[in-house]
């Protein structure tokens, strides 16, 4: 394939359904089957579309993105996990705790 990105069709109804299931599981603190384990799996474009829908809903309910998590930056592990590019996702104010340093420092003091 040339340098052009592969364009994949995205099923909007599937995106909405997956986003609904995943946010519901997050809110209820329960596990759900992996989308990649479903028949046909999930391609990267659909996964990013689901992530974007989740981002929209989380912002709408007052959560704030405070940074980014970049996974799979080590190309040496891509084949093992079946990925072929780094993956990006927001980090949220509701899942991040900023420490002022005293917690770490006081732990090591006698």
Protein backbone atom coordinates (compact mmCIF):
# COMPACT_ATOMS: atom_id res chain seq x y z
CA UNK A 1 0.00 0.00 0.00
CA UNK A 2 1.28 3.50 -0.73
CA UNK A 3 1.59 6.24 1.86
CA UNK A 4 -2.14 6.94 1.61
CA UNK A 5 -4.16 5.98 4.67
CA UNK A 6 -6.57 3.08 4.34
CA UNK A 7 -10.15 4.32 4.42
CA UNK A 8 -12.54 1.98 6.20
CA UNK A 9 -16.29 2.36 6.30
CA UNK A 10 -17.65 2.94 9.76
CA UNK A 11 -21.02 1.61 10.90
CA UNK A 12 -22.47 4.53 12.88
CA UNK A 13 -25.07 2.34 14.61
CA UNK A 14 -22.33 -0.06 15.78
CA UNK A 15 -20.25 2.85 17.05
CA UNK A 16 -23.20 4.18 19.05
CA UNK A 17 -24.03 0.73 20.44
CA UNK A 18 -20.44 -0.01 21.48
CA UNK A 19 -20.02 3.41 23.07
CA UNK A 20 -23.25 2.91 25.01
CA UNK A 21 -22.17 -0.50 26.29
CA UNK A 22 -18.67 0.68 27.25
CA UNK A 23 -19.77 3.84 29.06
CA UNK A 24 -22.50 1.88 30.84
CA UNK A 25 -19.93 -0.68 31.97
CA UNK A 26 -17.60 2.09 33.17
CA UNK A 27 -20.38 3.76 35.14
CA UNK A 28 -21.61 0.49 36.64
CA UNK A 29 -18.06 -0.75 37.35
CA UNK A 30 -18.64 -4.00 35.50
CA UNK A 31 -16.82 -5.99 32.86
CA UNK A 32 -18.13 -6.55 29.36
CA UNK A 33 -16.76 -8.72 26.55
CA UNK A 34 -13.96 -7.13 24.54
CA UNK A 35 -15.21 -5.55 21.30
CA UNK A 36 -12.28 -7.25 19.56
CA UNK A 37 -13.64 -10.65 20.64
CA UNK A 38 -16.96 -10.13 18.84
CA UNK A 39 -17.59 -11.70 15.45
CA UNK A 40 -15.55 -9.73 12.95
CA UNK A 41 -13.57 -7.99 15.69
CA UNK A 42 -13.13 -4.24 15.52
CA UNK A 43 -10.91 -2.23 13.22
CA UNK A 44 -8.87 0.78 14.27
CA UNK A 45 -11.13 3.30 12.53
CA UNK A 46 -14.21 2.00 14.33
CA UNK A 47 -12.36 1.88 17.65
CA UNK A 48 -11.34 5.53 17.27
CA UNK A 49 -14.92 6.45 16.30
CA UNK A 50 -16.16 4.76 19.49
CA UNK A 51 -13.50 6.58 21.51
CA UNK A 52 -14.56 9.90 19.98
CA UNK A 53 -18.20 9.24 20.88
CA UNK A 54 -17.19 8.38 24.44
CA UNK A 55 -15.11 11.57 24.59
CA UNK A 56 -18.11 13.64 23.48
CA UNK A 57 -20.40 12.07 26.08
CA UNK A 58 -17.87 12.42 28.89
CA UNK A 59 -17.30 16.10 28.11
CA UNK A 60 -21.08 16.64 27.90
CA UNK A 61 -21.48 15.29 31.43
CA UNK A 62 -18.76 17.56 32.80
CA UNK A 63 -15.59 15.49 32.65
CA UNK A 64 -12.48 17.22 31.36
CA UNK A 65 -9.66 15.72 29.30
CA UNK A 66 -6.38 16.67 31.00
CA UNK A 67 -3.83 14.95 28.77
CA UNK A 68 -3.14 12.04 26.46
CA UNK A 69 -2.05 8.44 26.90
CA UNK A 70 -0.07 7.11 23.99
CA UNK A 71 0.21 3.34 23.85
CA UNK A 72 2.17 0.99 21.67
CA UNK A 73 5.03 3.41 21.05
CA UNK A 74 7.45 0.45 21.03
CA UNK A 75 7.36 -0.93 17.49
CA UNK A 76 9.01 -4.12 18.73
CA UNK A 77 5.76 -5.33 20.30
CA UNK A 78 3.34 -4.42 17.51
CA UNK A 79 3.29 -7.83 15.85
CA UNK A 80 2.72 -9.60 19.17
CA UNK A 81 -0.42 -7.54 19.83
CA UNK A 82 -1.60 -7.19 16.24
CA UNK A 83 -1.22 -3.41 16.12
CA UNK A 84 0.68 -1.38 13.58
CA UNK A 85 0.66 2.15 14.94
CA UNK A 86 0.68 3.97 18.30
CA UNK A 87 -2.76 4.45 19.85
CA UNK A 88 -3.92 7.66 21.49
CA UNK A 89 -6.58 8.22 24.13
CA UNK A 90 -7.46 11.07 26.47
CA UNK A 91 -6.71 11.01 30.18
CA UNK A 92 -9.55 12.42 32.29
CA UNK A 93 -9.78 14.61 35.37
CA UNK A 94 -12.05 11.95 36.90
CA UNK A 95 -9.39 9.25 36.60
CA UNK A 96 -6.23 11.22 37.34
CA UNK A 97 -4.90 12.31 40.72
CA UNK A 98 -2.21 14.96 40.79
CA UNK A 99 0.12 14.65 43.76
CA UNK A 100 2.04 17.56 45.25
CA UNK A 101 5.02 15.34 46.06
CA UNK A 102 4.60 15.10 49.84
CA UNK A 103 3.08 11.64 49.59
CA UNK A 104 6.14 10.25 47.86
CA UNK A 105 8.70 12.17 49.91
CA UNK A 106 7.14 11.40 53.30
CA UNK A 107 7.10 7.68 52.51
CA UNK A 108 10.89 7.59 52.42
CA UNK A 109 11.55 9.71 55.51
CA UNK A 110 12.43 7.92 58.74
